[in-house]
C-alpha atoms as a PDB file:
ATOM      1  CA  MET A   1      -0.641   0.215  -0.302  1.00  0.00           C
ATOM      2  CA  PRO A   2       1.146   3.813  -0.554  1.00  0.00           C
ATOM      3  CA  ASP A   3       2.476   5.425   2.363  1.00  0.00           C
ATOM      4  CA  ASP A   4      -0.122   8.181   1.848  1.00  0.00           C
ATOM      5  CA  PHE A   5      -2.871   5.933   2.300  1.00  0.00           C
ATOM      6  CA  PRO A   6      -5.557   6.231   4.121  1.00  0.00           C
ATOM      7  CA  ASP A   7      -4.460   9.828   4.857  1.00  0.00           C
ATOM      8  CA  PRO A   8      -2.923  11.654   1.924  1.00  0.00           C
ATOM      9  CA  GLU A   9      -2.997  14.863   3.775  1.00  0.00           C
ATOM     10  CA  GLN A  10      -0.159  13.374   6.108  1.00  0.00           C
ATOM     11  CA  ILE A  11      -1.958  14.783   9.228  1.00  0.00           C
ATOM     12  CA  GLU A  12      -0.620  11.314  11.023  1.00  0.00           C
ATOM     13  CA  ASN A  13       3.176  11.317   9.734  1.00  0.00           C
ATOM     14  CA  THR A  14       2.604  15.528  10.483  1.00  0.00           C
ATOM     15  CA  ILE A  15       1.613  14.899  14.252  1.00  0.00           C
ATOM     16  CA  LEU A  16       4.002  12.262  15.104  1.00  0.00           C
ATOM     17  CA  HIS A  17       7.041  13.983  14.256  1.00  0.00           C
ATOM     18  CA  THR A  18       5.955  16.927  15.668  1.00  0.00           C
ATOM     19  CA  LEU A  19       5.481  15.027  18.945  1.00  0.00           C
ATOM     20  CA  THR A  20       8.668  13.087  18.798  1.00  0.00           C
ATOM     21  CA  ASP A  21      11.992  12.430  17.059  1.00  0.00           C
ATOM     22  CA  PHE A  22      12.014   8.339  16.021  1.00  0.00           C
ATOM     23  CA  ARG A  23      15.769   8.321  15.063  1.00  0.00           C
ATOM     24  CA  ASN A  24      17.513   5.503  15.885  1.00  0.00           C
ATOM     25  CA  ALA A  25      15.124   4.793  19.086  1.00  0.00           C
ATOM     26  CA  THR A  26      13.779   1.304  19.713  1.00  0.00           C
ATOM     27  CA  THR A  27      10.203   1.888  19.922  1.00  0.00           C
ATOM     28  CA  LEU A  28       7.231  -0.073  20.913  1.00  0.00           C
ATOM     29  CA  GLU A  29       3.910  -0.036  19.202  1.00  0.00           C
ATOM     30  CA  ILE A  30       0.680  -1.211  21.663  1.00  0.00           C
ATOM     31  CA  GLY A  31      -2.484  -2.105  19.238  1.00  0.00           C
ATOM     32  CA  PHE A  32       0.221  -2.093  16.094  1.00  0.00           C
ATOM     33  CA  GLY A  33      -2.567  -3.845  14.270  1.00  0.00           C
ATOM     34  CA  ASP A  34      -1.887  -4.494  10.500  1.00  0.00           C
ATOM     35  CA  GLY A  35       1.148  -1.768  10.498  1.00  0.00           C
ATOM     36  CA  ARG A  36      -0.929   1.270   9.213  1.00  0.00           C
ATOM     37  CA  MET A  37       0.767   4.099  11.549  1.00  0.00           C
ATOM     38  CA  ALA A  38       4.107   2.302  11.335  1.00  0.00           C
ATOM     39  CA  ARG A  39       4.311   3.000   7.670  1.00  0.00           C
ATOM     40  CA  HIS A  40       5.466   7.085   9.178  1.00  0.00           C
ATOM     41  CA  TYR A  41       8.313   5.726  11.117  1.00  0.00           C
ATOM     42  CA  ARG A  42       9.337   2.339  10.703  1.00  0.00           C
ATOM     43  CA  HIS A  43      12.902   3.781   8.407  1.00  0.00           C
ATOM     44  CA  GLU A  44      13.971   5.778  11.332  1.00  0.00           C
ATOM     45  CA  THR A  45      13.719   3.966  14.281  1.00  0.00           C
ATOM     46  CA  GLY A  46      16.499   2.308  15.658  1.00  0.00           C
ATOM     47  CA  TRP A  47      14.442  -0.899  16.339  1.00  0.00           C
ATOM     48  CA  LEU A  48      10.843  -1.591  16.211  1.00  0.00           C
ATOM     49  CA  ILE A  49       8.592  -4.243  18.447  1.00  0.00           C
ATOM     50  CA  GLY A  50       4.708  -3.959  16.910  1.00  0.00           C
ATOM     51  CA  VAL A  51       2.420  -5.836  19.911  1.00  0.00           C
ATOM     52  CA  ASP A  52      -1.824  -6.799  19.021  1.00  0.00           C
ATOM     53  CA  VAL A  53      -3.849  -9.383  20.599  1.00  0.00           C
ATOM     54  CA  ASP A  54      -5.308 -10.130  16.985  1.00  0.00           C
ATOM     55  CA  GLU A  55      -2.784 -12.499  14.907  1.00  0.00           C
ATOM     56  CA  ALA A  56      -4.731 -11.772  11.910  1.00  0.00           C
ATOM     57  CA  GLU A  57      -3.932  -8.227  12.037  1.00  0.00           C
ATOM     58  CA  LEU A  58       0.169  -8.712  12.490  1.00  0.00           C
ATOM     59  CA  ARG A  59       0.038 -11.023   9.701  1.00  0.00           C
ATOM     60  CA  LEU A  60      -1.006  -8.115   7.771  1.00  0.00           C
ATOM     61  CA  ALA A  61       1.276  -6.058   8.725  1.00  0.00           C
ATOM     62  CA  ARG A  62       3.825  -8.661   7.777  1.00  0.00           C
ATOM     63  CA  ASP A  63       2.338  -8.773   4.084  1.00  0.00           C
ATOM     64  CA  ASP A  64       1.882  -5.281   3.884  1.00  0.00           C
ATOM     65  CA  TYR A  65       3.482  -2.501   5.631  1.00  0.00           C
ATOM     66  CA  LEU A  66       6.713  -4.262   6.954  1.00  0.00           C
ATOM     67  CA  LYS A  67       7.260  -6.364   3.542  1.00  0.00           C
ATOM     68  CA  GLU A  68       9.716  -3.458   2.338  1.00  0.00           C
ATOM     69  CA  GLY A  69      12.630  -5.549   3.932  1.00  0.00           C
ATOM     70  CA  GLN A  70      12.188  -3.563   7.612  1.00  0.00           C
ATOM     71  CA  ARG A  71      15.100  -5.298   8.900  1.00  0.00           C
ATOM     72  CA  GLN A  72      14.994  -3.846  12.579  1.00  0.00           C
ATOM     73  CA  ALA A  73      11.321  -5.196  13.313  1.00  0.00           C
ATOM     74  CA  ASP A  74       9.507  -7.454  15.225  1.00  0.00           C
ATOM     75  CA  LEU A  75       6.319  -8.433  15.683  1.00  0.00           C
ATOM     76  CA  ALA A  76       4.463 -10.200  18.706  1.00  0.00           C
ATOM     77  CA  GLN A  77       1.010 -11.203  19.772  1.00  0.00           C
ATOM     78  CA  ALA A  78       0.799  -9.825  23.015  1.00  0.00           C
ATOM     79  CA  ASP A  79      -1.823  -8.011  25.559  1.00  0.00           C
ATOM     80  CA  ALA A  80      -1.286  -4.519  26.706  1.00  0.00           C
ATOM     81  CA  GLY A  81      -2.128  -5.068  29.935  1.00  0.00           C
ATOM     82  CA  ALA A  82       0.644  -8.006  30.291  1.00  0.00           C
ATOM     83  CA  LEU A  83       3.333  -6.887  28.059  1.00  0.00           C
ATOM     84  CA  PRO A  84       6.490  -9.398  27.729  1.00  0.00           C
ATOM     85  CA  PHE A  85       9.162  -6.592  28.267  1.00  0.00           C
ATOM     86  CA  ALA A  86      11.219  -5.119  31.165  1.00  0.00           C
ATOM     87  CA  ALA A  87      10.719  -2.006  32.585  1.00  0.00           C
ATOM     88  CA  ALA A  88      12.374   1.053  30.460  1.00  0.00           C
ATOM     89  CA  SER A  89      13.096  -1.399  27.566  1.00  0.00           C
ATOM     90  CA  PHE A  90      12.252   1.720  24.867  1.00  0.00           C
ATOM     91  CA  ASP A  91      12.626   5.002  23.751  1.00  0.00           C
ATOM     92  CA  LEU A  92       9.332   5.563  22.709  1.00  0.00           C
ATOM     93  CA  VAL A  93       6.121   3.793  22.506  1.00  0.00           C
ATOM     94  CA  ILE A  94       3.240   4.727  20.755  1.00  0.00           C
ATOM     95  CA  PHE A  95      -0.287   4.019  21.766  1.00  0.00           C
ATOM     96  CA  ALA A  96      -2.290   5.327  18.800  1.00  0.00           C
ATOM     97  CA  TRP A  97      -5.425   3.405  17.387  1.00  0.00           C
ATOM     98  CA  SER A  98      -5.811   1.093  20.412  1.00  0.00           C
ATOM     99  CA  LEU A  99      -8.481   2.968  22.283  1.00  0.00           C
END
């Protein structure tokens, strides 16, 4: 999918990059879904981990948004209430479309 779908005005991209600097950051995205938000920052992060409870959505992410050779990305099926990571494991945590 093109990077501007479904947001051709790039409002999401502008807001994300106004709020933080993704360069080389170890980033966790909770509620990763199909990876749509990650298209805005995936090439900037040092490491990206996307978690979601829905394995089907994570498969879509692998097939669409992360298929372009993101070498430093992992996806995991996990619940936001019981994340399998130690405290302070990430520079950034994104929780955008999960509410």
